[in-house]
Protein backbone atom coordinates (compact mmCIF):
# COMPACT_ATOMS: atom_id res chain seq x y z
CA MET A 1 185.02 53.42 133.92
CA LYS A 2 187.00 53.97 130.75
CA LYS A 3 183.87 53.50 128.61
CA ILE A 4 181.98 56.03 130.71
CA SER A 5 184.79 58.58 130.33
CA ILE A 6 184.81 58.13 126.55
CA THR A 7 181.03 58.54 126.44
CA PHE A 8 181.17 61.81 128.37
CA LEU A 9 184.04 63.04 126.21
CA MET A 10 182.09 62.33 123.02
CA PHE A 11 179.04 64.08 124.47
CA PHE A 12 180.98 67.27 125.22
CA LEU A 13 182.61 67.22 121.79
CA ILE A 14 179.33 66.78 119.92
CA SER A 15 177.20 69.12 122.07
CA PRO A 16 178.72 72.35 120.65
CA ILE A 17 178.01 71.07 117.13
CA TRP A 18 174.37 70.39 118.01
CA ALA A 19 174.09 73.81 119.59
CA GLN A 20 175.57 75.45 116.52
CA GLU A 21 173.10 73.67 114.23
CA THR A 22 169.99 74.36 116.27
CA HIS A 23 170.60 77.80 117.78
CA ARG A 24 169.16 80.61 115.69
CA PRO A 25 169.37 84.09 117.18
CA ALA A 26 166.71 86.67 116.46
CA LEU A 27 167.46 88.53 113.24
CA HIS A 28 166.00 92.04 113.14
CA GLY A 29 165.24 93.56 109.77
CA LYS A 30 163.39 96.28 107.92
CA ILE A 31 161.83 96.36 104.45
CA THR A 32 162.50 99.41 102.31
CA ALA A 33 160.73 100.24 99.06
CA ALA A 34 159.52 103.08 96.85
CA THR A 35 156.37 103.22 98.96
CA SER A 36 155.53 103.64 102.61
CA ASP A 37 153.15 100.66 102.53
CA VAL A 38 155.54 97.95 103.70
CA GLU A 39 153.34 96.35 106.34
CA GLY A 40 151.97 92.81 105.99
CA ILE A 41 154.86 91.35 103.95
CA TYR A 42 155.52 87.65 104.52
CA VAL A 43 159.04 86.76 105.69
CA ILE A 44 159.76 83.01 105.54
CA ASN A 45 162.86 81.15 106.70
CA MET A 46 163.08 78.34 104.14
CA LYS A 47 165.35 76.29 106.39
CA THR A 48 163.04 76.19 109.41
CA GLU A 49 159.77 76.98 107.55
CA LYS A 50 159.02 79.61 110.17
CA ALA A 51 157.27 82.76 109.01
CA VAL A 52 156.47 86.23 110.30
CA ILE A 53 154.71 89.28 108.89
CA THR A 54 156.22 92.76 108.81
CA THR A 55 154.73 95.35 111.13
CA THR A 56 154.13 99.06 110.54
CA GLY A 57 157.23 100.55 108.95
CA GLY A 58 158.31 97.21 107.48
CA TYR A 59 160.03 95.86 110.60
CA PHE A 60 160.35 92.13 111.30
CA THR A 61 162.11 89.74 113.67
CA ILE A 62 162.75 86.11 112.77
CA PRO A 63 165.08 83.38 114.09
CA ALA A 64 167.85 82.81 111.53
CA ALA A 65 171.37 81.47 111.21
CA GLU A 66 174.15 82.18 108.76
CA GLY A 67 173.37 80.50 105.43
CA ASP A 68 169.60 80.41 105.94
CA THR A 69 167.50 81.63 103.02
CA LEU A 70 164.77 84.16 103.72
CA MET A 71 161.92 84.62 101.27
CA PHE A 72 159.92 87.85 101.10
CA SER A 73 156.52 87.95 99.46
CA ALA A 74 153.61 90.35 99.10
CA VAL A 75 151.01 91.02 96.44
CA GLN A 76 152.31 94.48 95.56
CA PHE A 77 156.01 93.49 95.44
CA LYS A 78 158.22 91.20 93.40
CA GLY A 79 159.22 88.12 95.39
CA LYS A 80 162.75 88.16 96.78
CA ARG A 81 165.22 85.68 98.33
CA VAL A 82 168.04 86.73 100.64
CA VAL A 83 170.76 84.46 102.05
CA VAL A 84 171.58 85.45 105.62
CA SER A 85 175.21 86.50 106.00
CA LYS A 86 177.39 86.84 109.07
CA ASP A 87 177.32 90.62 108.70
CA GLY A 88 173.53 90.55 108.51
CA LEU A 89 173.38 88.74 111.83
CA ASN A 90 175.90 91.03 113.49
CA ASN A 91 174.19 94.24 112.38
CA ASN A 92 171.51 95.72 114.59
CA LEU A 93 169.15 95.89 111.59
CA MET A 94 169.24 94.13 108.22
CA PHE A 95 167.72 96.21 105.43
CA VAL A 96 165.98 94.47 102.53
CA TYR A 97 164.89 96.47 99.49
CA MET A 98 161.85 95.21 97.59
CA GLU A 99 160.71 96.28 94.12
CA LEU A 100 157.14 97.23 93.42
CA MET A 101 155.30 95.41 90.66
CA VAL A 102 155.85 97.35 87.44
CA ASN A 103 152.25 97.23 86.27
CA GLN A 104 149.96 98.57 88.96
CA LEU A 105 146.51 97.06 88.59
CA ARG A 106 143.65 99.39 87.82
CA GLU A 107 140.40 99.23 89.74
CA VAL A 108 138.24 96.39 88.45
CA VAL A 109 134.46 96.45 88.33
CA VAL A 110 133.73 92.85 89.21
CA ASN A 111 130.18 92.81 87.91
CA GLU A 112 131.48 93.13 84.37
CA TYR A 113 133.31 89.82 84.59
CA ALA A 114 130.68 87.41 85.78
CA HIS A 115 131.50 85.25 82.75
CA ILE A 116 134.96 84.41 84.12
CA ASN A 117 134.82 80.97 85.69
CA ALA A 118 136.77 77.72 85.76
CA ALA A 119 135.55 76.69 82.30
CA ALA A 120 136.22 80.10 80.74
CA LEU A 121 139.78 80.05 82.09
CA GLY A 122 140.32 76.60 80.56
CA ILE A 123 140.80 74.97 83.95
CA ILE A 124 138.14 72.34 83.34
CA PRO A 125 136.35 71.42 80.11
CA LYS A 126 133.01 73.08 79.47
CA ASP A 127 130.02 71.02 80.59
CA GLN A 128 132.40 68.72 82.49
CA LYS A 129 130.50 66.62 85.03
CA SER A 130 131.92 65.69 88.41
CA TYR A 131 131.58 62.17 89.78
CA THR A 132 132.50 61.31 93.34
CA PRO A 133 133.32 57.61 92.64
CA ALA A 134 135.47 58.54 89.63
CA GLU A 135 138.55 56.76 90.87
CA ARG A 136 136.63 53.54 91.48
CA LYS A 137 135.09 53.60 88.03
CA LEU A 138 138.41 54.30 86.36
CA LYS A 139 140.01 51.36 88.14
CA ALA A 140 137.16 49.11 87.03
CA ALA A 141 137.47 50.35 83.46
CA ASN A 142 141.18 49.55 83.30
CA GLY A 143 141.12 46.24 85.21
CA LEU A 144 140.66 42.71 83.90
CA ALA A 145 137.95 40.91 85.89
CA LEU A 146 138.51 37.16 86.03
CA ALA A 147 135.34 35.10 85.78
CA GLY A 148 134.64 32.54 88.50
CA ASN A 149 133.97 28.87 87.80
CA GLY A 150 131.35 26.82 89.56
CA ASP A 151 133.93 24.99 91.67
CA GLY A 152 135.16 28.21 93.24
CA THR A 153 138.30 28.52 91.09
CA THR A 154 138.98 31.30 88.62
CA GLY A 155 138.81 30.62 84.95
CA GLY A 156 140.63 32.11 82.02
CA SER A 157 137.86 34.40 80.80
CA PHE A 158 137.93 38.14 81.43
CA SER A 159 135.68 41.14 81.10
CA ALA A 160 135.67 42.79 77.69
CA ASP A 161 134.97 46.20 79.23
CA PRO A 162 138.61 47.41 79.04
CA LEU A 163 138.77 46.67 75.31
CA LEU A 164 135.47 48.39 74.72
CA ASN A 165 136.63 51.35 76.77
CA ILE A 166 139.72 51.79 74.61
CA PHE A 167 137.65 52.09 71.45
CA SER A 168 134.75 54.02 72.92
CA GLY A 169 136.84 56.64 74.70
CA ARG A 170 135.16 55.86 78.00
CA THR A 171 138.49 55.45 79.78
CA ALA A 172 139.57 58.93 78.71
CA MET A 173 136.30 60.32 80.02
CA LEU A 174 136.76 58.56 83.36
CA LYS A 175 140.28 59.96 83.66
CA LYS A 176 138.87 63.45 83.17
CA GLU A 177 136.30 62.77 85.87
CA LEU A 178 139.05 61.61 88.22
CA GLU A 179 140.97 64.83 87.62
CA VAL A 180 137.90 66.87 88.51
CA GLU A 181 137.36 64.80 91.65
CA LYS A 182 140.94 65.44 92.77
CA LYS A 183 140.51 69.17 92.15
CA GLU A 184 137.37 69.20 94.26
CA PHE A 185 139.28 67.46 97.06
CA TRP A 186 142.00 70.13 97.07
CA LEU A 187 139.39 72.88 96.87
CA GLN A 188 137.87 71.51 100.08
CA LYS A 189 141.29 71.44 101.73
CA LEU A 190 141.86 75.01 100.60
CA ASP A 191 138.61 76.17 102.19
CA GLN A 192 139.61 74.48 105.44
CA MET A 193 143.03 76.14 105.56
CA PHE A 194 142.14 79.71 104.54
CA GLU A 195 139.25 82.04 105.27
CA VAL A 196 137.62 84.04 102.47
CA SER A 197 138.92 87.20 104.14
CA HIS A 198 142.49 86.08 103.41
CA PHE A 199 141.79 86.03 99.68
CA VAL A 200 139.96 89.36 99.67
CA GLU A 201 141.88 91.43 102.21
CA THR A 202 145.40 90.01 102.00
CA LEU A 203 145.63 88.80 98.40
CA LYS A 204 143.36 91.57 97.05
CA ILE A 205 141.21 89.13 95.07
CA PRO A 206 137.77 90.66 94.33
CA SER A 207 135.15 88.77 96.33
CA ASP A 208 133.30 87.65 93.20
CA TYR A 209 136.52 86.09 91.89
CA VAL A 210 137.59 84.12 94.96
CA LYS A 211 136.15 80.81 93.78
CA GLY A 212 137.68 81.26 90.33
CA PHE A 213 141.04 81.97 91.95
CA GLU A 214 140.77 78.76 93.96
CA TYR A 215 140.23 76.78 90.74
CA TYR A 216 143.18 78.62 89.23
CA ILE A 217 145.68 77.76 91.98
CA VAL A 218 144.77 74.07 92.32
CA GLU A 219 146.00 73.74 88.73
CA ASN A 220 149.49 74.66 89.95
CA ASN A 221 151.41 71.48 90.77
CA THR A 222 153.81 73.19 93.17
CA PHE A 223 150.92 74.67 95.12
CA VAL A 224 149.13 71.31 95.28
CA GLU A 225 152.32 69.72 96.63
CA SER A 226 152.34 72.29 99.45
CA LEU A 227 148.76 71.27 100.27
CA LYS A 228 149.70 67.59 100.21
CA SER A 229 152.52 68.19 102.68
CA LYS A 230 150.27 70.44 104.81
CA ASN A 231 152.88 73.19 104.51
CA LYS A 232 150.68 76.21 105.11
CA ILE A 233 153.62 78.61 105.07
CA MET A 234 154.71 77.56 101.58
CA ALA A 235 151.09 77.47 100.39
CA THR A 236 150.61 81.03 101.65
CA PHE A 237 153.77 82.19 99.90
CA LEU A 238 152.81 80.58 96.58
CA MET A 239 149.29 81.99 96.80
CA GLY A 240 150.77 85.48 97.01
CA GLU A 241 152.66 84.99 93.74
CA LEU A 242 149.71 83.35 92.00
CA ALA A 243 147.38 86.12 93.16
CA VAL A 244 149.50 88.68 91.31
CA LYS A 245 149.20 86.72 88.06
CA TYR A 246 145.48 86.15 88.54
CA ASN A 247 144.78 89.83 89.17
CA GLU A 248 146.76 90.66 86.03
CA MET A 249 144.49 88.30 84.08
CA ILE A 250 141.46 90.17 85.37
CA ALA A 251 143.01 93.52 84.46
CA CYS A 252 143.86 92.34 80.93
CA GLU A 253 140.27 91.20 80.46
CA GLU A 254 139.19 94.80 81.08
CA GLU A 255 141.26 95.96 78.14
């Protein structure tokens, strides 16, 4: 009976702590900026990885607790982080001011930039071939293959291929092929997670540049890590920042 009483006592003592850690009331906020176009901004709670998008007028509602970090991201604004305070939770509305990007992009005629591709951007070497079994070949090139004896045991001889590869540069070539294969894998994952309309309508990437943008972002290690962890919220946030840089590259090419 004493053990049962202690168990119940511990439960009631710990329960408020659990409730405090897990309960996140709805935080109501509004984005303000030097423009009336504040709809469609991503608001991400980095603690819970929950995300919402601002509605007309820049309003949003997201579960949050004191100490949580909110990230705000949109193509036309500089990214911003805000730590939720007690006052922010108690107020009826939390206002968040966002700065517009200093350099507004001019209209781009996409037909003039057909020469921009993965090779031109330096993402992959020119005339680089892609081999599906690249990883297998690289492993074979680096491994020492023991030769078998007639009695079923292994002898002391080994394949000379690794030594030849070192001098011929074949291993370096196979490593390049493996890198391309990995990029193609993440490109496929990217196509599965996001529709083309997201790149064109949300990120403002010209339709003729979507594929080039995909090659561009799979070069970013942080973005690839978000794909590996299947964290679509973080991937979406990072894509917004990378889209700004990519569009700036296109605009600079016009000059």
